[in-house]
Amino acid sequence: MSKHEWELVDERSKEFHEVNLIQPSSSDFAAITVMPTKKDWARLWIERKMYKDYRPLNLVTPLDRYPMPIPKELFDSIHENFILASSCALYIYVCAILFG
């Protein structure tokens, strides 16, 4: 990235941090920042947008670490003798996802 792009990234990162969209991280991994040009209102390729490229990070991420549970198995686990409202069923489904 050029010096100008680094300054844009630094400026936008500070703006995002001020409004709590991002926070400092101590992770061993980071995503690459890319800044492709984008057309402005006059159809000139001037504006630069900041994006993150997560493809290298996705390559080292384990696949199916937390697979989604099958709803039929969840409802079978609460047995057939319960009649639940849809909000209760959703709560059970979310708890099963979060707490295993």
Protein backbone atom coordinates (compact mmCIF):
# COMPACT_ATOMS: atom_id res chain seq x y z
CA MET A 1 0.00 0.00 0.00
CA SER A 2 1.16 3.52 -0.68
CA LYS A 3 1.81 6.10 2.01
CA HIS A 4 -1.44 7.86 1.05
CA GLU A 5 -3.41 4.62 1.49
CA TRP A 6 -1.79 4.01 4.89
CA GLU A 7 -2.87 7.48 5.98
CA LEU A 8 -6.44 6.80 4.80
CA VAL A 9 -6.50 3.49 6.67
CA ASP A 10 -5.17 5.14 9.82
CA GLU A 11 -7.70 7.98 9.57
CA ARG A 12 -10.67 5.66 9.00
CA SER A 13 -9.54 3.28 11.72
CA LYS A 14 -9.47 6.16 14.21
CA GLU A 15 -12.97 7.20 13.11
CA PHE A 16 -14.28 3.64 13.53
CA HIS A 17 -12.61 3.36 16.94
CA GLU A 18 -14.17 6.63 18.13
CA VAL A 19 -17.69 5.35 17.37
CA ASN A 20 -16.91 1.87 18.81
CA LEU A 21 -17.18 -0.01 15.51
CA ILE A 22 -13.74 -1.55 16.08
CA GLN A 23 -11.60 -2.23 19.13
CA PRO A 24 -7.93 -3.02 19.73
CA SER A 25 -7.07 -6.68 19.37
CA SER A 26 -4.32 -8.90 20.74
CA SER A 27 -5.06 -11.76 18.35
CA ASP A 28 -2.32 -13.65 16.55
CA PHE A 29 -4.24 -13.23 13.29
CA ALA A 30 -5.07 -10.17 11.23
CA ALA A 31 -6.89 -9.54 7.97
CA ILE A 32 -5.26 -7.73 5.10
CA THR A 33 -6.63 -4.26 4.35
CA VAL A 34 -7.25 -3.51 0.68
CA MET A 35 -8.34 -0.17 -0.73
CA PRO A 36 -9.74 -0.47 -4.26
CA THR A 37 -10.89 2.67 -6.01
CA LYS A 38 -14.59 3.33 -6.40
CA LYS A 39 -16.46 5.66 -8.71
CA ASP A 40 -17.63 8.89 -7.14
CA TRP A 41 -20.79 10.83 -8.07
CA ALA A 42 -19.11 12.17 -11.24
CA ARG A 43 -18.20 8.62 -12.35
CA LEU A 44 -14.50 9.23 -11.73
CA TRP A 45 -12.40 6.50 -10.09
CA ILE A 46 -11.30 8.64 -7.16
CA GLU A 47 -12.94 7.46 -3.95
CA ARG A 48 -11.20 4.69 -2.01
CA LYS A 49 -13.14 2.19 0.09
CA MET A 50 -11.51 0.20 2.88
CA TYR A 51 -12.15 -3.55 2.85
CA LYS A 52 -10.70 -6.53 4.70
CA ASP A 53 -9.52 -9.62 2.86
CA TYR A 54 -10.34 -12.60 5.09
CA ARG A 55 -9.39 -15.33 2.59
CA PRO A 56 -5.95 -16.08 4.14
CA LEU A 57 -7.54 -16.16 7.61
CA ASN A 58 -10.25 -18.53 6.40
CA LEU A 59 -7.59 -20.96 5.17
CA VAL A 60 -6.24 -21.51 8.71
CA THR A 61 -9.67 -21.58 10.40
CA PRO A 62 -10.88 -25.09 11.30
CA LEU A 63 -13.92 -26.14 9.30
CA ASP A 64 -17.12 -27.14 11.09
CA ARG A 65 -15.73 -26.35 14.50
CA TYR A 66 -19.24 -25.57 15.70
CA PRO A 67 -21.63 -27.22 13.25
CA MET A 68 -25.23 -26.06 13.33
CA PRO A 69 -27.49 -28.48 15.21
CA ILE A 70 -30.32 -30.11 13.32
CA PRO A 71 -33.68 -28.79 14.61
CA LYS A 72 -35.25 -32.28 14.55
CA GLU A 73 -32.57 -33.58 16.92
CA LEU A 74 -33.12 -30.63 19.25
CA PHE A 75 -36.86 -31.16 19.41
CA ASP A 76 -36.39 -34.90 19.89
CA SER A 77 -34.13 -34.13 22.84
CA ILE A 78 -36.92 -32.26 24.67
CA HIS A 79 -39.26 -35.23 24.18
CA GLU A 80 -42.71 -35.31 22.69
CA ASN A 81 -44.70 -34.50 25.84
CA PHE A 82 -44.05 -30.74 25.78
CA ILE A 83 -46.12 -28.19 23.89
CA LEU A 84 -44.06 -25.07 23.35
CA ALA A 85 -44.75 -21.63 22.01
CA SER A 86 -42.55 -20.63 19.09
CA SER A 87 -40.62 -18.19 21.30
CA CYS A 88 -39.78 -21.02 23.73
CA ALA A 89 -38.68 -23.26 20.88
CA LEU A 90 -36.46 -20.48 19.54
CA TYR A 91 -34.96 -19.99 23.01
CA ILE A 92 -34.15 -23.71 23.27
CA TYR A 93 -32.62 -23.68 19.78
CA VAL A 94 -30.41 -20.65 20.57
CA CYS A 95 -29.32 -22.10 23.93
CA ALA A 96 -28.39 -25.37 22.26
CA ILE A 97 -26.25 -23.47 19.76
CA LEU A 98 -24.55 -21.32 22.38
CA PHE A 99 -24.07 -23.82 25.18
CA GLY A 100 -23.93 -27.09 23.24
